[in-house]
Protein backbone atom coordinates (compact mmCIF):
# COMPACT_ATOMS: atom_id res chain seq x y z
CA MET A 1 -34.17 18.13 -17.25
CA LYS A 2 -30.47 17.49 -16.68
CA LYS A 3 -29.79 17.20 -20.42
CA ILE A 4 -31.31 20.65 -21.03
CA LEU A 5 -29.10 22.14 -18.34
CA PHE A 6 -26.01 20.40 -19.75
CA THR A 7 -26.67 22.00 -23.14
CA ILE A 8 -27.12 25.45 -21.60
CA ILE A 9 -23.90 25.26 -19.58
CA ALA A 10 -22.02 24.00 -22.63
CA LEU A 11 -23.16 27.02 -24.59
CA TRP A 12 -21.87 29.31 -21.86
CA LEU A 13 -18.72 28.01 -22.23
CA SER A 14 -3.91 29.70 -40.97
CA THR A 15 -4.34 28.19 -44.12
CA ALA A 16 -5.49 24.67 -44.91
CA GLY A 17 -2.94 22.20 -43.61
CA LEU A 18 -1.21 24.78 -41.39
CA MET A 19 -2.60 24.65 -37.86
CA ALA A 20 -2.18 27.05 -34.95
CA GLN A 21 -3.26 27.06 -31.34
CA PRO A 22 -6.13 29.51 -30.77
CA VAL A 23 -6.66 31.41 -27.52
CA ILE A 24 -10.14 31.99 -26.10
CA THR A 25 -10.51 35.65 -25.16
CA TYR A 26 -13.25 37.97 -23.97
CA ALA A 27 -12.91 40.09 -27.12
CA GLY A 28 -13.17 37.14 -29.48
CA ASN A 29 -15.48 34.72 -27.67
CA ALA A 30 -17.87 36.56 -25.36
CA SER A 31 -21.42 36.68 -26.75
CA GLN A 32 -22.80 40.13 -27.41
CA ILE A 33 -26.38 41.32 -26.99
CA GLY A 34 -27.90 41.21 -30.45
CA ASP A 35 -26.14 37.99 -31.50
CA SER A 36 -28.31 35.26 -32.97
CA TYR A 37 -27.27 31.63 -33.50
CA GLU A 38 -28.75 28.58 -35.20
CA PHE A 39 -27.99 25.20 -33.63
CA SER A 40 -28.69 21.69 -34.86
CA GLY A 41 -28.05 18.49 -32.94
CA ALA A 42 -28.95 14.94 -32.08
CA ASP A 43 -28.92 12.37 -29.31
CA GLY A 44 -27.03 9.14 -29.86
CA SER A 45 -23.49 7.86 -29.57
CA PHE A 46 -20.78 10.38 -30.43
CA ASP A 47 -17.10 9.87 -29.66
CA PRO A 48 -15.44 13.23 -28.81
CA GLY A 49 -12.12 11.87 -30.09
CA SER A 50 -8.56 12.22 -28.90
CA ALA A 51 -6.94 14.93 -26.81
CA GLY A 52 -3.62 16.54 -27.68
CA ALA A 53 -2.07 18.91 -30.19
CA ASN A 54 -2.89 19.21 -33.90
CA GLN A 55 -5.87 16.84 -33.88
CA SER A 56 -8.43 16.32 -36.64
CA TRP A 57 -12.03 15.52 -35.63
CA ASP A 58 -14.69 14.63 -38.20
CA PHE A 59 -18.36 14.95 -37.17
CA SER A 60 -19.61 15.83 -40.67
CA ALA A 61 -21.86 12.76 -40.89
CA ILE A 62 -24.19 13.82 -38.06
CA THR A 63 -27.87 13.69 -38.98
CA ALA A 64 -29.62 16.47 -37.05
CA THR A 65 -32.94 15.80 -35.33
CA ILE A 66 -32.97 18.73 -32.86
CA PHE A 67 -33.07 22.39 -33.92
CA ASN A 68 -32.85 25.54 -31.82
CA THR A 69 -32.38 29.26 -32.36
CA VAL A 70 -30.59 31.26 -29.65
CA ASP A 71 -30.90 35.04 -29.41
CA VAL A 72 -28.65 36.96 -27.03
CA VAL A 73 -30.77 39.63 -25.33
CA SER A 74 -30.71 42.06 -22.44
CA PRO A 75 -31.86 40.33 -19.21
CA GLY A 76 -34.14 43.28 -18.53
CA SER A 77 -36.23 42.42 -21.58
CA THR A 78 -37.00 38.87 -20.40
CA PRO A 79 -39.76 37.37 -18.19
CA PHE A 80 -37.31 36.46 -15.41
CA ALA A 81 -35.44 39.78 -15.24
CA SER A 82 -36.21 40.36 -11.55
CA ASP A 83 -34.96 36.88 -10.63
CA PHE A 84 -31.48 37.51 -12.07
CA PRO A 85 -30.47 41.06 -11.11
CA GLU A 86 -26.78 40.11 -11.24
CA SER A 87 -26.88 38.92 -14.87
CA ASN A 88 -25.78 41.12 -17.78
CA THR A 89 -26.50 38.60 -20.57
CA ALA A 90 -29.48 36.39 -21.36
CA TYR A 91 -29.97 33.67 -23.99
CA HIS A 92 -33.46 33.09 -25.41
CA TYR A 93 -33.77 29.53 -26.75
CA THR A 94 -36.57 28.83 -29.23
CA GLY A 95 -37.23 25.72 -31.26
CA ASP A 96 -37.38 22.26 -29.69
CA ASN A 97 -36.98 23.84 -26.22
CA GLU A 98 -37.98 27.39 -25.26
CA LEU A 99 -36.31 28.87 -22.21
CA TYR A 100 -34.10 31.70 -20.98
CA SER A 101 -30.57 31.21 -19.71
CA TYR A 102 -28.79 33.90 -17.67
CA GLY A 103 -25.18 34.74 -17.01
CA GLU A 104 -22.45 37.27 -16.37
CA GLU A 105 -19.71 38.14 -18.87
CA ASN A 106 -16.67 40.21 -17.98
CA THR A 107 -13.10 40.44 -19.21
CA THR A 108 -11.84 37.68 -16.88
CA GLU A 109 -14.63 35.07 -16.73
CA ARG A 110 -18.04 33.82 -17.85
CA LEU A 111 -20.55 32.74 -15.18
CA HIS A 112 -23.79 30.78 -15.60
CA ASP A 113 -26.45 32.12 -13.20
CA GLY A 114 -29.40 29.89 -14.02
CA VAL A 115 -32.37 29.30 -16.28
CA GLY A 116 -36.06 30.20 -16.49
CA PHE A 117 -38.48 27.90 -18.30
CA VAL A 118 -41.59 29.08 -20.14
CA SER A 119 -43.54 26.79 -17.81
CA GLY A 120 -42.61 29.16 -14.99
CA ASP A 121 -40.04 26.87 -13.34
CA LEU A 122 -36.82 28.54 -12.28
CA ILE A 123 -33.30 27.41 -11.39
CA HIS A 124 -31.07 30.10 -9.88
CA TYR A 125 -27.47 29.38 -8.87
CA THR A 126 -26.71 31.33 -5.73
CA ASP A 127 -23.13 30.18 -6.26
CA PRO A 128 -22.89 30.34 -10.08
CA VAL A 129 -21.02 28.02 -12.41
CA LYS A 130 -17.79 29.41 -13.85
CA SER A 131 -17.99 28.18 -17.44
CA MET A 132 -14.96 30.01 -18.85
CA GLU A 133 -11.89 32.01 -17.87
CA TYR A 134 -10.35 34.67 -20.13
CA PRO A 135 -7.83 34.29 -21.67
CA PHE A 136 -7.78 30.48 -21.99
CA SER A 137 -5.31 28.48 -24.09
CA TYR A 138 -4.08 24.92 -24.65
CA THR A 139 -3.31 23.04 -21.35
CA ASP A 140 -4.87 25.81 -19.21
CA SER A 141 -7.12 24.48 -16.43
CA TYR A 142 -9.21 25.63 -13.46
CA ALA A 143 -11.67 24.17 -10.93
CA ASP A 144 -14.87 25.67 -9.52
CA SER A 145 -17.76 24.73 -7.23
CA TYR A 146 -21.41 25.76 -7.57
CA TYR A 147 -24.72 25.52 -5.68
CA THR A 148 -28.44 25.91 -6.32
CA SER A 149 -31.72 25.00 -4.66
CA TYR A 150 -35.00 24.89 -6.59
CA THR A 151 -38.49 23.37 -6.38
CA MET A 152 -40.26 21.54 -9.21
CA SER A 153 -43.38 19.38 -8.92
CA ASN A 154 -43.35 19.95 -5.13
CA VAL A 155 -39.87 18.43 -4.83
CA GLU A 156 -37.20 20.69 -3.37
CA THR A 157 -33.72 19.94 -4.71
CA HIS A 158 -30.39 21.14 -3.33
CA GLU A 159 -27.56 20.69 -5.82
CA HIS A 160 -23.89 20.89 -4.88
CA GLY A 161 -21.47 20.55 -7.77
CA ASN A 162 -17.89 20.85 -8.90
CA VAL A 163 -16.40 21.37 -12.34
CA THR A 164 -12.86 21.01 -13.69
CA VAL A 165 -12.27 22.77 -16.99
CA THR A 166 -9.23 22.03 -19.18
CA ALA A 167 -8.23 23.06 -22.69
CA ASP A 168 -7.15 19.54 -23.59
CA ALA A 169 -6.74 19.68 -27.38
CA TRP A 170 -6.54 21.82 -30.49
CA GLY A 171 -6.86 21.17 -34.20
CA SER A 172 -9.38 21.04 -37.04
CA VAL A 173 -13.03 20.00 -36.58
CA SER A 174 -15.56 19.14 -39.30
CA THR A 175 -19.33 19.47 -38.77
CA PRO A 176 -22.25 19.19 -41.21
CA ALA A 177 -21.95 22.98 -41.60
CA GLY A 178 -18.30 22.88 -42.73
CA VAL A 179 -14.69 22.78 -41.52
CA TYR A 180 -13.26 24.89 -38.71
CA ASN A 181 -9.48 25.06 -38.62
CA ASN A 182 -7.52 26.24 -35.58
CA THR A 183 -10.04 25.27 -32.91
CA LEU A 184 -9.42 24.87 -29.19
CA ARG A 185 -11.27 22.03 -27.44
CA VAL A 186 -12.38 22.70 -23.86
CA LYS A 187 -13.22 19.70 -21.66
CA SER A 188 -15.51 20.37 -18.67
CA GLU A 189 -15.92 17.55 -16.12
CA TYR A 190 -18.89 17.94 -13.76
CA THR A 191 -19.74 16.03 -10.60
CA TYR A 192 -22.81 16.81 -8.50
CA THR A 193 -24.97 15.67 -5.58
CA ASP A 194 -28.73 16.32 -5.58
CA SER A 195 -30.46 16.14 -2.20
CA MET A 196 -34.26 16.02 -2.48
CA PHE A 197 -36.94 17.03 0.04
CA ILE A 198 -40.74 16.95 0.13
CA MET A 199 -42.47 19.29 2.60
CA GLY A 200 -39.14 19.72 4.38
CA ASN A 201 -38.55 15.98 4.78
CA PHE A 202 -35.41 14.48 3.27
CA ILE A 203 -36.23 11.86 0.63
CA SER A 204 -33.01 10.86 -1.07
CA ALA A 205 -29.67 11.98 -2.46
CA THR A 206 -28.21 11.11 -5.83
CA THR A 207 -24.76 11.69 -7.24
CA GLY A 208 -23.83 11.95 -10.87
CA SER A 209 -21.28 13.17 -13.38
CA TYR A 210 -21.04 14.23 -16.99
CA THR A 211 -18.43 15.68 -19.32
CA ASP A 212 -18.85 18.40 -21.94
CA TYR A 213 -16.51 18.94 -24.89
CA ASP A 214 -16.70 22.33 -26.61
CA TRP A 215 -14.76 23.49 -29.68
CA TYR A 216 -14.03 27.21 -30.17
CA THR A 217 -12.30 29.25 -32.82
CA ALA A 218 -10.50 32.44 -31.80
CA THR A 219 -13.49 34.54 -32.90
CA SER A 220 -16.54 32.31 -32.36
CA HIS A 221 -18.87 33.87 -29.80
CA THR A 222 -20.07 30.38 -28.90
CA ALA A 223 -18.75 26.86 -29.28
CA VAL A 224 -18.98 25.77 -32.92
CA ILE A 225 -19.77 22.21 -31.78
CA SER A 226 -20.41 20.65 -28.37
CA ILE A 227 -20.64 17.03 -27.23
CA SER A 228 -22.09 16.09 -23.83
CA VAL A 229 -21.28 12.65 -22.42
CA THR A 230 -23.62 11.45 -19.66
CA ALA A 231 -24.50 8.15 -18.02
CA ASP A 232 -27.55 7.98 -20.30
CA GLY A 233 -25.62 8.49 -23.55
CA THR A 234 -24.23 11.37 -25.57
CA SER A 235 -25.67 14.35 -27.39
CA VAL A 236 -24.23 16.79 -29.89
CA SER A 237 -25.06 20.39 -30.81
CA TYR A 238 -23.36 22.38 -33.57
CA ARG A 239 -23.60 25.81 -35.18
CA SER A 240 -25.67 25.29 -38.31
CA ASP A 241 -25.82 28.90 -39.54
CA GLY A 242 -22.44 28.63 -41.26
CA VAL A 243 -21.00 31.63 -39.40
CA GLY A 244 -17.34 31.40 -38.45
CA ILE A 245 -16.36 28.59 -40.80
CA ASP A 246 -12.78 28.91 -41.99
CA GLU A 247 -13.10 30.17 -45.55
CA GLN A 248 -9.38 30.30 -46.29
CA ALA A 249 -9.21 26.70 -47.53
CA SER A 250 -11.79 27.44 -50.22
CA SER A 251 -10.11 30.67 -51.28
CA LEU A 252 -6.92 28.74 -52.05
CA SER A 253 -8.88 26.79 -54.67
CA ARG A 254 -10.24 30.01 -56.25
CA ILE A 255 -13.90 29.12 -56.01
CA HIS A 256 -16.42 31.21 -57.95
CA LEU A 257 -20.07 30.84 -56.85
CA TYR A 258 -22.66 32.34 -59.23
CA PRO A 259 -25.21 33.76 -59.84
CA ASN A 260 -25.72 35.19 -56.38
CA PRO A 261 -28.57 35.83 -55.62
CA ALA A 262 -29.87 32.84 -57.57
CA THR A 263 -33.33 31.72 -58.67
CA ASP A 264 -33.31 28.38 -60.52
CA LYS A 265 -29.74 27.12 -60.44
CA ILE A 266 -26.38 27.83 -58.81
CA ASP A 267 -22.93 27.13 -60.28
CA VAL A 268 -19.61 26.59 -58.53
CA GLU A 269 -16.50 26.89 -60.67
CA PHE A 270 -13.00 25.91 -59.53
CA THR A 271 -10.38 27.79 -61.52
CA LYS A 272 -7.85 25.75 -59.53
CA PRO A 273 -8.91 22.10 -58.95
CA LEU A 274 -9.91 21.23 -55.39
CA GLU A 275 -8.01 18.15 -54.25
CA ASN A 276 -9.96 15.14 -52.98
CA CYS A 277 -13.31 16.75 -53.82
CA THR A 278 -15.81 14.03 -54.71
CA ALA A 279 -19.07 15.91 -54.09
CA VAL A 280 -20.46 19.41 -53.66
CA PHE A 281 -23.62 19.95 -51.59
CA VAL A 282 -26.10 22.66 -50.60
CA TYR A 283 -27.22 22.92 -46.96
CA ASN A 284 -29.94 25.03 -45.39
CA ALA A 285 -29.50 27.12 -42.24
CA LYS A 286 -30.38 24.12 -40.04
CA GLY A 287 -27.54 22.02 -41.44
CA LYS A 288 -29.76 19.80 -43.59
CA GLN A 289 -28.52 18.79 -47.05
CA VAL A 290 -31.10 20.05 -49.57
CA ALA A 291 -29.33 19.70 -52.95
CA GLN A 292 -26.30 18.17 -54.65
CA PHE A 293 -24.26 19.56 -57.53
CA THR A 294 -23.49 17.66 -60.73
CA LYS A 295 -20.05 18.07 -62.29
CA THR A 296 -19.10 19.31 -65.75
CA ALA A 297 -15.34 19.88 -66.20
CA ASN A 298 -14.30 22.21 -63.36
CA ARG A 299 -17.84 23.54 -62.86
CA TYR A 300 -20.61 22.13 -60.68
CA THR A 301 -24.31 22.98 -61.13
CA ALA A 302 -27.25 22.46 -58.76
CA ASP A 303 -30.98 22.80 -59.40
CA ILE A 304 -32.36 25.00 -56.60
CA SER A 305 -35.70 25.89 -58.19
CA SER A 306 -37.67 23.99 -55.54
CA LEU A 307 -35.89 25.55 -52.55
CA SER A 308 -37.59 28.17 -50.41
CA PRO A 309 -36.14 31.71 -50.49
CA GLY A 310 -33.34 32.23 -47.97
CA ILE A 311 -29.63 31.80 -47.29
CA TYR A 312 -27.92 28.51 -48.20
CA PHE A 313 -24.40 27.16 -47.74
CA VAL A 314 -22.18 25.20 -50.12
CA THR A 315 -19.58 22.61 -49.10
CA ALA A 316 -17.00 21.03 -51.40
CA GLY A 317 -15.66 17.80 -49.96
CA ASN A 318 -15.23 18.63 -46.27
CA SER A 319 -14.55 22.31 -46.90
CA TYR A 320 -16.82 25.34 -46.74
CA ALA A 321 -17.13 26.83 -50.24
CA GLY A 322 -19.45 29.77 -49.68
CA LYS A 323 -23.04 30.87 -49.28
CA PHE A 324 -25.69 32.26 -51.57
CA ILE A 325 -29.16 33.77 -51.45
CA LYS A 326 -32.07 31.93 -53.05
CA GLN A 327 -34.64 34.45 -54.30
């Protein structure tokens, strides 16, 4: 249960070689009703890497085992609308976990109000979690407290928590979906105490902590990749729909992707050689590699005849090359 909540809270939160410090803003980073995101992820052991300026993080080798789609919808259209009258944004998670997450977005902050599960269980923060301030830039920091009480399986839980949020790094981050230059990493450190009761009788209290790391570009409505570090291990979730990847690096190499739409094969031609490119791959919308190109001179060709119709993404080396439609 905690891991699901960690992922929800984490969500609520230039040319190649020339880096700049991005600033998280309401205009560039607040989710809008109608947005839809694809996320892939995995549980395991993932090192979030170093803090500081002009960093380079490489998570491109992640093998995804968890897949979710998130649609941003009006709270009034959801099953728990009456439970969250203060919320102006809701996230509908489908895939490996189906649930609704609720929050408030305004020009100065983002608040997480709680979550409703399709099972009917409900967690409502009467003192919500502040998951972002606007604007937010490198070395900025704030602290917040939060509180909720909820009942599941006849156990009443009172949770008191605190979070310290710091923009502790910026740089370039690689995921299986591609490379994002000019990202700001936000580190959120949570501590909490859960006091549990059965039929009004106190049973026990537990304390815990976890840390979330979220990477944003200046225009990504959500984190492009998130890593949650808990006492039980780490988990990662990344945007696998290819949206928001920095395409400027590929444009410098003058990449031509054709035909598009394609039926049986797709070609990538580099009229200017791409340095350090050893392989070119095709990924589906869930971040899974589904084809590899073979090289002839400056052109690469991939057989896509067996792929299902849809949108696919091409990476060259660690750089995003483009996307195409398979008919």
